[in-house]
Amino acid sequence: MYRVWNFVTNYSLLLIFGAVIALIWANTNPHSYHEFVDFVIADHFFIGHAHVDEHGHVHRTLTLHYLVNDVLMAFFFAIAAKEVWEAVILKNGSLRGKKAATPLIATAGGMIGPIAVYLGLAAFLGSDTFDAVSRGWAIPTATDIAFSYLVGRLVFGAGHPAVRFLLLLAIADDAAGLIILAVFYPDPNLPLAPGWLGLSFGASLTAYVVFNWLPRRMDRGNQARPKSTWVRKNLSFWPYLIAGAIGWYGFQEAGIHPALGLLPIVPALPHADRAFGIFAEAESHLKDLLNHCEHLLAHPVEVILFFFGLLNAGVEFSSIGSPTWLVLAGLLIGKPLGIYIFGAIGAHAMGFGLPAGMRTIDLIVIGFVAAIGFTVSLFVATVAFDSSTMLGDIRVQDAAKMGALLSFAAAIVSVIAGKLLRVEKQTL
C-alpha cells in the first residue's frame, strides 16, 4: 500500500484537523455549527435522511451530514474492506492459517470485554441510564487501525512482533465492526427490506462475471490475455463504479447503513495473486485494478475524512456525562482485559502460541493501544443514537462521541503501560 507514515498522515492528520476545528466551532458558536452540519442540499430527493409521513410514504432530505456520513464515507469503508478481503482471501493473507489464530481469538476478547464493561457499568448506574445508553454497546469495540499502529510502533518499536500482532487484531476488528454495523444498526426510520440487497449483490455479481471472470475465461491458454487487457484499458473501473452505485442504493433502500454499500463490489474487482500485508510498500507498485482503485481513492478519502471529523466531532464540552465514561471504560478497561484473557487462552490453553519474541504480558499493552477507537467509534456513536435521545439534560449521542474523541488518552496510557511492563523496543 504505502509507507506507514504516509498512510497515517494521509488518513489521520486531516481527520484530526477537522475534529479540532469542529470542537472549537461547536464550543464557541454552536448554533452556526449545527446549522452547517444540518445544511439541506436537496429536499424530497432520492437519497438522504428518511422521513415516513402519516400515510406511510418515505421522503428523503439530502443534508451535508448525510452526504458525508452515508455517501462519501462508503469509500473509506471500501478501503477498509479491501484490506480485510486481501487478508482473508489472498495467498499469504494476514488472517489465513495458524499464525492468525491467537490474534483472532484476542480480537473476540477485544470486543466481548468492552461490551461487558460498557453494559455492566450501565446496568450498575440504574435502569434509566441502561435504557438510554444500551444501544451504544458497539462503540467501544472499535479500533482505529492507523492511530493504533502509529502508537504501537512508538511503544514497541517497528521490529517488535507485537506490532504485527496488533495489525492482525486491528484488521480482524475492522471486519467484525463492518458486520456489526450492517446487522445491528439498520436505519431506525425505515422498515428492513432485505429484498433490496438482491439488487446490491446482483449488481456486483454481474460486474464480476461480465468484466472479470468472463474475459479471463476467454483468455485461457493465451498468455497475452487480449480480452482482459481490452476490458482493463477501455473500461477501467467504470463498470464496477456503476455496480457499486447500484449496490449503495440497494443498501439504502434495504434499511442497512448505506456507508457499507460498496462492500459487495470489493470482491468483484480483479486483484493481485498474493497479499503483501497492510502498509506494505510493495502494494504501491501493483497494477491490478483493486490496488489501482485504492490508489485513486487515497487523496479523495483524505478530504472525506476531514469533513467527517468536521461534521461529527463538534461536541460541546458540557455534553460530557455518564455515556462518555462508559465508552472510555469499555475501551480502557474492557479492551485490555478482553485481549489479555482471550489472547492468553488462545496462546496457552488452546496451544496456538504467540509470535517468537513476544511475551504474554505484552497482550495488556496491545490492549491499551487497541483502545484508541476514534474514527470508527465516532461513526458508530452517530448511528447508535438518535440526536434527540437524552439522559437528564445531556444528549446521549454527544456524550458518547466525546468518549470516542477522548479515547486518544489510550495512547498516553499505552506508553506508561509499556514502561511499567518493561517492553523492550525492537527496531527493524
Protein backbone atom coordinates (compact mmCIF):
# COMPACT_ATOMS: atom_id res chain seq x y z
CA MET A 1 0.00 0.00 0.00
CA TYR A 2 2.07 2.98 1.27
CA ARG A 3 4.84 3.52 3.75
CA VAL A 4 3.28 3.58 7.20
CA TRP A 5 3.98 7.26 7.85
CA ASN A 6 2.41 8.23 4.53
CA PHE A 7 -0.63 6.13 5.40
CA VAL A 8 -1.02 7.66 8.85
CA THR A 9 -0.57 11.22 7.60
CA ASN A 10 -2.93 10.64 4.68
CA TYR A 11 -5.71 9.05 6.66
CA SER A 12 -5.31 10.66 10.08
CA LEU A 13 -3.93 14.16 10.17
CA LEU A 14 -6.70 15.75 8.11
CA LEU A 15 -9.23 13.85 10.19
CA ILE A 16 -7.72 15.28 13.40
CA PHE A 17 -7.61 18.74 11.84
CA GLY A 18 -11.33 18.53 11.01
CA ALA A 19 -12.16 17.23 14.50
CA VAL A 20 -10.23 20.05 16.22
CA ILE A 21 -11.97 22.69 14.10
CA ALA A 22 -15.33 21.08 14.94
CA LEU A 23 -14.64 21.11 18.67
CA ILE A 24 -13.60 24.76 18.64
CA TRP A 25 -16.54 25.79 16.45
CA ALA A 26 -19.15 23.85 18.46
CA ASN A 27 -17.91 25.33 21.73
CA THR A 28 -17.70 28.94 20.51
CA ASN A 29 -20.73 29.20 18.22
CA PRO A 30 -22.82 26.02 18.49
CA HIS A 31 -25.81 27.45 16.61
CA SER A 32 -23.87 28.18 13.41
CA TYR A 33 -22.02 24.86 13.70
CA HIS A 34 -25.23 22.81 13.83
CA GLU A 35 -26.73 24.88 11.02
CA PHE A 36 -23.68 23.95 8.93
CA VAL A 37 -23.93 20.25 9.80
CA ASP A 38 -27.65 20.07 9.00
CA PHE A 39 -27.46 22.24 5.88
CA VAL A 40 -30.08 20.97 3.40
CA ILE A 41 -28.68 20.34 -0.07
CA ALA A 42 -31.90 18.97 -1.58
CA ASP A 43 -35.35 18.17 -0.22
CA HIS A 44 -37.59 15.32 -1.45
CA PHE A 45 -34.53 13.75 -3.07
CA PHE A 46 -33.96 10.09 -3.96
CA ILE A 47 -31.18 9.82 -1.36
CA GLY A 48 -30.96 11.32 2.11
CA HIS A 49 -32.37 11.05 5.61
CA ALA A 50 -35.64 9.13 5.54
CA HIS A 51 -38.88 10.52 6.95
CA VAL A 52 -42.07 8.44 6.89
CA ASP A 53 -45.28 10.50 6.81
CA GLU A 54 -48.63 9.55 8.28
CA HIS A 55 -49.58 7.80 5.04
CA GLY A 56 -46.51 5.57 5.13
CA HIS A 57 -44.73 7.37 2.29
CA VAL A 58 -40.95 7.79 2.56
CA HIS A 59 -39.49 11.24 1.94
CA ARG A 60 -35.77 11.90 1.87
CA THR A 61 -33.81 15.04 2.65
CA LEU A 62 -30.20 15.26 1.49
CA THR A 63 -28.17 17.15 4.10
CA LEU A 64 -24.45 17.84 4.21
CA HIS A 65 -24.16 15.41 7.13
CA TYR A 66 -25.86 12.63 5.14
CA LEU A 67 -23.70 13.31 2.08
CA VAL A 68 -20.50 12.83 4.08
CA ASN A 69 -21.52 10.10 6.57
CA ASP A 70 -23.73 7.94 4.38
CA VAL A 71 -22.48 8.57 0.83
CA LEU A 72 -18.82 9.61 0.85
CA MET A 73 -17.74 7.50 3.86
CA ALA A 74 -18.67 4.47 1.75
CA PHE A 75 -15.29 4.97 0.02
CA PHE A 76 -13.47 4.88 3.36
CA PHE A 77 -15.19 1.63 4.35
CA ALA A 78 -14.45 0.21 0.90
CA ILE A 79 -10.73 0.74 1.52
CA ALA A 80 -11.05 -0.94 4.93
CA ALA A 81 -12.93 -3.83 3.30
CA LYS A 82 -10.22 -4.12 0.64
CA GLU A 83 -7.57 -4.72 3.31
CA VAL A 84 -9.78 -7.26 5.10
CA TRP A 85 -10.60 -9.05 1.82
CA GLU A 86 -6.93 -9.39 0.86
CA ALA A 87 -6.01 -10.56 4.36
CA VAL A 88 -8.62 -13.34 4.17
CA ILE A 89 -8.62 -14.48 0.54
CA LEU A 90 -5.16 -13.99 -0.95
CA LYS A 91 -2.11 -16.21 -0.67
CA ASN A 92 -0.03 -15.08 2.34
CA GLY A 93 -3.04 -13.14 3.64
CA SER A 94 -2.54 -11.95 7.22
CA LEU A 95 -5.71 -13.63 8.51
CA ARG A 96 -5.01 -17.04 6.99
CA GLY A 97 -3.55 -20.05 8.72
CA LYS A 98 -2.41 -20.81 12.25
CA LYS A 99 -0.46 -17.54 12.55
CA ALA A 100 -3.76 -15.67 12.73
CA ALA A 101 -5.42 -17.92 15.32
CA THR A 102 -4.28 -16.17 18.50
CA PRO A 103 -4.87 -12.62 17.13
CA LEU A 104 -8.38 -13.66 16.02
CA ILE A 105 -9.16 -15.09 19.45
CA ALA A 106 -7.75 -11.95 21.07
CA THR A 107 -9.93 -9.86 18.76
CA ALA A 108 -13.00 -11.67 20.11
CA GLY A 109 -11.88 -10.76 23.62
CA GLY A 110 -11.24 -7.20 22.49
CA MET A 111 -14.91 -6.95 21.55
CA ILE A 112 -16.54 -9.00 24.31
CA GLY A 113 -14.57 -7.23 27.06
CA PRO A 114 -15.65 -3.68 26.11
CA ILE A 115 -19.28 -4.75 25.62
CA ALA A 116 -19.33 -6.45 29.04
CA VAL A 117 -17.78 -3.45 30.81
CA TYR A 118 -19.98 -0.92 28.99
CA LEU A 119 -23.26 -2.73 29.61
CA GLY A 120 -22.28 -3.93 33.08
CA LEU A 121 -21.46 -0.44 34.31
CA ALA A 122 -24.56 0.96 32.59
CA ALA A 123 -26.72 -1.57 34.46
CA PHE A 124 -24.96 -0.67 37.72
CA LEU A 125 -25.86 3.01 37.16
CA GLY A 126 -29.56 2.13 37.04
CA SER A 127 -32.31 1.26 34.62
CA ASP A 128 -32.75 4.83 33.34
CA THR A 129 -29.09 5.03 32.33
CA PHE A 130 -29.08 1.50 30.92
CA ASP A 131 -32.17 2.12 28.79
CA ALA A 132 -30.73 5.37 27.45
CA VAL A 133 -27.25 4.09 26.57
CA SER A 134 -27.61 0.35 25.89
CA ARG A 135 -27.87 0.82 22.12
CA GLY A 136 -24.29 2.15 22.11
CA TRP A 137 -22.73 -1.14 23.19
CA ALA A 138 -20.69 -1.41 19.96
CA ILE A 139 -18.99 1.99 20.32
CA PRO A 140 -16.08 0.76 22.49
CA THR A 141 -15.46 -2.35 20.36
CA ALA A 142 -13.74 -0.36 17.60
CA THR A 143 -10.00 0.02 17.00
CA ASP A 144 -8.65 2.87 14.88
CA ILE A 145 -6.11 0.98 12.82
CA ALA A 146 -3.96 3.92 11.68
CA PHE A 147 -3.60 5.61 15.07
CA SER A 148 -3.17 2.31 16.89
CA TYR A 149 -0.43 1.22 14.51
CA LEU A 150 1.41 4.51 14.96
CA VAL A 151 1.24 4.25 18.77
CA GLY A 152 2.16 0.55 18.61
CA ARG A 153 5.35 1.38 16.74
CA LEU A 154 6.11 4.10 19.29
CA VAL A 155 5.67 1.73 22.25
CA PHE A 156 7.14 -1.49 20.85
CA GLY A 157 9.43 -0.31 18.07
CA ALA A 158 8.90 -1.07 14.39
CA GLY A 159 10.55 -4.51 14.58
CA HIS A 160 8.70 -5.94 17.59
CA PRO A 161 6.45 -8.95 16.80
CA ALA A 162 3.71 -7.32 18.90
CA VAL A 163 3.27 -4.69 16.17
CA ARG A 164 2.34 -7.33 13.59
CA PHE A 165 0.07 -8.99 16.17
CA LEU A 166 -1.63 -5.62 16.69
CA LEU A 167 -2.12 -5.22 12.93
CA LEU A 168 -3.74 -8.63 12.59
CA LEU A 169 -6.01 -7.83 15.52
CA ALA A 170 -6.95 -4.44 14.07
CA ILE A 171 -7.76 -5.90 10.64
CA ALA A 172 -9.99 -8.56 12.23
CA ASP A 173 -11.57 -5.88 14.41
CA ASP A 174 -12.38 -3.85 11.26
CA ALA A 175 -14.05 -6.88 9.69
CA ALA A 176 -16.15 -7.54 12.80
CA GLY A 177 -17.04 -3.86 13.03
CA LEU A 178 -18.38 -3.82 9.48
CA ILE A 179 -20.57 -6.83 10.27
CA ILE A 180 -21.86 -5.21 13.47
CA LEU A 181 -22.76 -2.01 11.62
CA ALA A 182 -24.64 -3.95 8.95
CA VAL A 183 -26.51 -6.30 11.29
CA PHE A 184 -27.21 -4.29 14.43
CA TYR A 185 -27.55 -0.71 13.20
CA PRO A 186 -30.14 -0.52 10.42
CA ASP A 187 -31.87 2.76 9.63
CA PRO A 188 -34.31 3.30 12.54
CA ASN A 189 -36.60 5.40 10.31
CA LEU A 190 -37.21 2.62 7.79
CA PRO A 191 -38.51 -0.94 7.99
CA LEU A 192 -35.94 -3.52 6.94
CA ALA A 193 -36.40 -4.53 3.31
CA PRO A 194 -33.72 -7.21 2.73
CA GLY A 195 -35.04 -7.89 -0.77
CA TRP A 196 -33.20 -4.76 -1.91
CA LEU A 197 -29.92 -6.48 -1.07
CA GLY A 198 -30.57 -8.67 -4.09
CA LEU A 199 -30.02 -5.57 -6.20
CA SER A 200 -26.72 -4.83 -4.43
CA PHE A 201 -25.25 -8.30 -4.65
CA GLY A 202 -26.75 -8.91 -8.09
CA ALA A 203 -25.04 -5.79 -9.50
CA SER A 204 -21.70 -6.86 -8.01
CA LEU A 205 -22.06 -10.43 -9.24
CA THR A 206 -22.92 -9.20 -12.74
CA ALA A 207 -19.88 -6.91 -12.79
CA TYR A 208 -17.66 -9.76 -11.61
CA VAL A 209 -18.92 -12.27 -14.18
CA VAL A 210 -19.05 -9.94 -17.20
CA PHE A 211 -15.95 -7.81 -16.64
CA ASN A 212 -13.68 -10.05 -14.57
CA TRP A 213 -14.41 -13.78 -14.81
CA LEU A 214 -15.57 -13.95 -18.45
CA PRO A 215 -12.58 -12.09 -20.02
CA ARG A 216 -10.18 -14.29 -18.04
CA ARG A 217 -12.12 -17.36 -19.11
CA MET A 218 -11.87 -16.32 -22.76
CA ASP A 219 -8.12 -15.71 -22.34
CA ARG A 220 -7.37 -19.21 -21.07
CA GLY A 221 -4.21 -20.56 -22.69
CA ASN A 222 -3.26 -17.18 -24.14
CA GLN A 223 -0.51 -15.50 -22.14
CA ALA A 224 -1.11 -12.20 -23.96
CA ARG A 225 -4.57 -12.03 -22.30
CA PRO A 226 -6.08 -9.83 -25.03
CA LYS A 227 -9.68 -9.84 -23.72
CA SER A 228 -8.73 -8.98 -20.12
CA THR A 229 -6.33 -6.30 -21.34
CA TRP A 230 -9.00 -4.73 -23.58
CA VAL A 231 -11.51 -4.60 -20.71
CA ARG A 232 -8.93 -3.08 -18.35
CA LYS A 233 -7.71 -0.49 -20.90
CA ASN A 234 -11.05 0.62 -22.29
CA LEU A 235 -13.46 0.17 -19.39
CA SER A 236 -11.15 0.52 -16.39
CA PHE A 237 -13.10 0.86 -13.12
CA TRP A 238 -16.31 2.28 -14.63
CA PRO A 239 -18.39 -0.95 -14.69
CA TYR A 240 -17.52 -1.51 -11.03
CA LEU A 241 -18.28 2.09 -10.09
CA ILE A 242 -21.72 1.80 -11.70
CA ALA A 243 -22.33 -1.54 -9.98
CA GLY A 244 -21.12 -0.02 -6.70
CA ALA A 245 -23.54 2.90 -7.04
CA ILE A 246 -26.40 0.46 -7.64
CA GLY A 247 -25.21 -1.56 -4.63
CA TRP A 248 -25.10 1.55 -2.47
CA TYR A 249 -28.69 2.42 -3.43
CA GLY A 250 -29.77 -1.14 -2.62
CA PHE A 251 -28.30 -0.84 0.89
CA GLN A 252 -30.08 2.47 1.44
CA GLU A 253 -33.44 1.07 0.36
CA ALA A 254 -32.89 -2.12 2.37
CA GLY A 255 -32.64 -0.02 5.54
CA ILE A 256 -28.99 -1.02 6.12
CA HIS A 257 -26.48 1.75 6.67
CA PRO A 258 -25.55 2.87 3.13
CA ALA A 259 -21.96 3.70 4.14
CA LEU A 260 -21.44 -0.06 3.79
CA GLY A 261 -22.97 -0.08 0.32
CA LEU A 262 -19.68 -0.50 -1.58
CA LEU A 263 -18.65 -3.63 0.31
CA PRO A 264 -20.19 -6.12 -2.16
CA ILE A 265 -18.23 -4.67 -5.10
CA VAL A 266 -14.80 -5.08 -3.47
CA PRO A 267 -14.53 -8.87 -4.05
CA ALA A 268 -15.68 -8.37 -7.67
CA LEU A 269 -12.63 -6.29 -8.65
CA PRO A 270 -9.61 -8.02 -10.23
CA HIS A 271 -6.96 -8.32 -7.54
CA ALA A 272 -3.35 -9.35 -7.01
CA ASP A 273 -2.44 -13.02 -6.61
CA ARG A 274 -0.95 -12.62 -3.16
CA ALA A 275 -1.13 -10.26 -0.21
CA PHE A 276 1.86 -8.25 0.93
CA GLY A 277 0.26 -7.11 4.17
CA ILE A 278 -1.26 -3.82 5.25
CA PHE A 279 1.13 -0.86 5.00
CA ALA A 280 3.35 -2.93 2.67
CA GLU A 281 5.31 -0.64 0.36
CA ALA A 282 5.15 -3.26 -2.39
CA GLU A 283 1.44 -2.62 -2.89
CA SER A 284 2.17 0.86 -4.25
CA HIS A 285 3.73 -0.83 -7.30
CA LEU A 286 0.90 -3.30 -8.00
CA LYS A 287 -1.13 -2.70 -11.18
CA ASP A 288 -4.20 -4.86 -10.51
CA LEU A 289 -7.48 -2.95 -10.63
CA LEU A 290 -8.25 -3.36 -6.92
CA ASN A 291 -4.99 -1.71 -5.85
CA HIS A 292 -5.31 0.84 -8.68
CA CYS A 293 -8.72 1.90 -7.32
CA GLU A 294 -7.30 2.19 -3.82
CA HIS A 295 -4.53 4.46 -5.13
CA LEU A 296 -7.10 6.62 -6.93
CA LEU A 297 -9.18 6.91 -3.76
CA ALA A 298 -6.29 7.81 -1.46
CA HIS A 299 -6.43 11.60 -1.73
CA PRO A 300 -10.24 11.91 -2.04
CA VAL A 301 -10.62 9.84 1.13
CA GLU A 302 -8.22 12.17 2.95
CA VAL A 303 -10.61 15.05 2.18
CA ILE A 304 -13.65 12.93 3.08
CA LEU A 305 -12.14 12.14 6.49
CA PHE A 306 -11.50 15.82 7.09
CA PHE A 307 -15.20 16.56 6.55
CA PHE A 308 -16.17 13.50 8.59
CA GLY A 309 -14.22 14.91 11.54
CA LEU A 310 -15.61 18.37 10.92
CA LEU A 311 -19.25 17.23 10.78
CA ASN A 312 -19.16 14.66 13.59
CA ALA A 313 -16.70 15.77 16.24
CA GLY A 314 -18.40 19.07 17.09
CA VAL A 315 -19.41 18.26 20.64
CA GLU A 316 -19.84 20.82 23.40
CA PHE A 317 -17.72 20.08 26.46
CA SER A 318 -20.84 20.46 28.60
CA SER A 319 -22.07 17.23 26.99
CA ILE A 320 -19.60 15.12 28.95
CA GLY A 321 -21.55 12.70 31.13
CA SER A 322 -22.04 9.06 32.03
CA PRO A 323 -22.13 7.85 28.37
CA THR A 324 -18.68 9.42 27.94
CA TRP A 325 -17.25 7.48 30.87
CA LEU A 326 -18.98 4.27 29.81
CA VAL A 327 -17.36 4.44 26.37
CA LEU A 328 -13.96 5.20 27.90
CA ALA A 329 -14.33 2.41 30.47
CA GLY A 330 -15.23 -0.03 27.73
CA LEU A 331 -12.15 0.96 25.76
CA LEU A 332 -9.58 1.49 28.53
CA ILE A 333 -10.68 -1.35 30.82
CA GLY A 334 -12.64 -3.80 28.68
CA LYS A 335 -10.25 -3.84 25.69
CA PRO A 336 -7.02 -4.64 27.56
CA LEU A 337 -8.72 -7.21 29.83
CA GLY A 338 -10.52 -8.92 26.94
CA ILE A 339 -7.45 -9.04 24.71
CA TYR A 340 -5.22 -10.28 27.54
CA ILE A 341 -7.59 -13.01 28.78
CA PHE A 342 -8.65 -14.31 25.37
CA GLY A 343 -5.16 -13.94 23.92
CA ALA A 344 -3.66 -15.93 26.80
CA ILE A 345 -6.32 -18.63 26.35
CA GLY A 346 -5.59 -18.85 22.62
CA ALA A 347 -1.83 -18.85 23.08
CA HIS A 348 -1.55 -21.26 26.02
CA ALA A 349 -4.78 -23.13 26.82
CA MET A 350 -5.56 -23.74 23.14
CA GLY A 351 -1.91 -24.12 22.15
CA PHE A 352 -1.75 -21.63 19.25
CA GLY A 353 1.15 -19.77 20.81
CA LEU A 354 2.48 -16.25 20.43
CA PRO A 355 4.96 -14.90 17.86
CA ALA A 356 8.59 -15.52 18.78
CA GLY A 357 9.91 -12.70 20.94
CA MET A 358 6.50 -11.65 22.26
CA ARG A 359 5.54 -12.10 25.93
CA THR A 360 2.08 -12.86 27.27
CA ILE A 361 2.19 -9.64 29.31
CA ASP A 362 2.62 -7.71 26.04
CA LEU A 363 -1.04 -8.51 25.36
CA ILE A 364 -2.05 -5.97 28.02
CA VAL A 365 -0.04 -3.22 26.30
CA ILE A 366 -1.54 -4.23 22.94
CA GLY A 367 -4.96 -3.95 24.57
CA PHE A 368 -4.30 -0.36 25.61
CA VAL A 369 -3.00 0.52 22.16
CA ALA A 370 -6.08 -1.05 20.55
CA ALA A 371 -8.29 1.05 22.85
CA ILE A 372 -7.86 4.05 20.53
CA GLY A 373 -11.31 3.93 18.92
CA PHE A 374 -11.68 7.40 17.42
CA THR A 375 -12.78 7.11 13.74
CA VAL A 376 -14.99 4.01 13.83
CA SER A 377 -16.14 4.64 17.42
CA LEU A 378 -17.18 8.15 16.39
CA PHE A 379 -19.03 6.72 13.39
CA VAL A 380 -20.85 4.10 15.48
CA ALA A 381 -21.87 6.76 18.01
CA THR A 382 -23.57 8.74 15.23
CA VAL A 383 -25.62 5.74 14.09
CA ALA A 384 -26.28 4.19 17.51
CA PHE A 385 -28.16 7.13 18.97
CA ASP A 386 -30.74 9.50 17.62
CA SER A 387 -29.77 13.11 18.22
CA SER A 388 -32.91 13.53 20.34
CA THR A 389 -32.05 10.78 22.86
CA MET A 390 -31.49 12.41 26.25
CA LEU A 391 -30.19 11.27 29.63
CA GLY A 392 -31.24 14.00 32.04
CA ASP A 393 -30.11 17.20 30.38
CA ILE A 394 -27.32 15.50 28.39
CA ARG A 395 -27.64 14.49 24.75
CA VAL A 396 -26.53 10.84 24.73
CA GLN A 397 -25.10 10.94 21.20
CA ASP A 398 -22.86 13.92 22.00
CA ALA A 399 -21.69 12.41 25.28
CA ALA A 400 -20.83 9.11 23.56
CA LYS A 401 -18.97 10.99 20.81
CA MET A 402 -16.89 12.71 23.45
CA GLY A 403 -15.92 9.29 24.78
CA ALA A 404 -14.73 8.30 21.29
CA LEU A 405 -12.72 11.52 20.99
CA LEU A 406 -11.17 11.11 24.45
CA SER A 407 -10.06 7.57 23.56
CA PHE A 408 -6.86 9.26 22.40
CA ALA A 409 -5.94 9.07 26.09
CA ALA A 410 -5.22 5.40 25.41
CA ALA A 411 -2.05 6.50 23.61
CA ILE A 412 -0.68 8.02 26.83
CA VAL A 413 -1.79 5.01 28.87
CA SER A 414 -0.10 2.71 26.34
CA VAL A 415 3.25 4.48 26.70
CA ILE A 416 3.01 4.33 30.51
CA ALA A 417 2.00 0.64 30.43
CA GLY A 418 4.90 -0.12 28.11
CA LYS A 419 7.33 1.47 30.57
CA LEU A 420 5.81 -0.25 33.64
CA LEU A 421 5.73 -3.67 31.97
CA ARG A 422 9.24 -3.23 30.62
CA VAL A 423 8.58 -3.54 26.94
CA GLU A 424 11.88 -3.68 25.07
CA LYS A 425 11.71 -1.73 21.84
CA GLN A 426 12.89 -3.57 18.74
CA THR A 427 13.89 -1.79 15.55
CA LEU A 428 13.71 -3.23 12.06
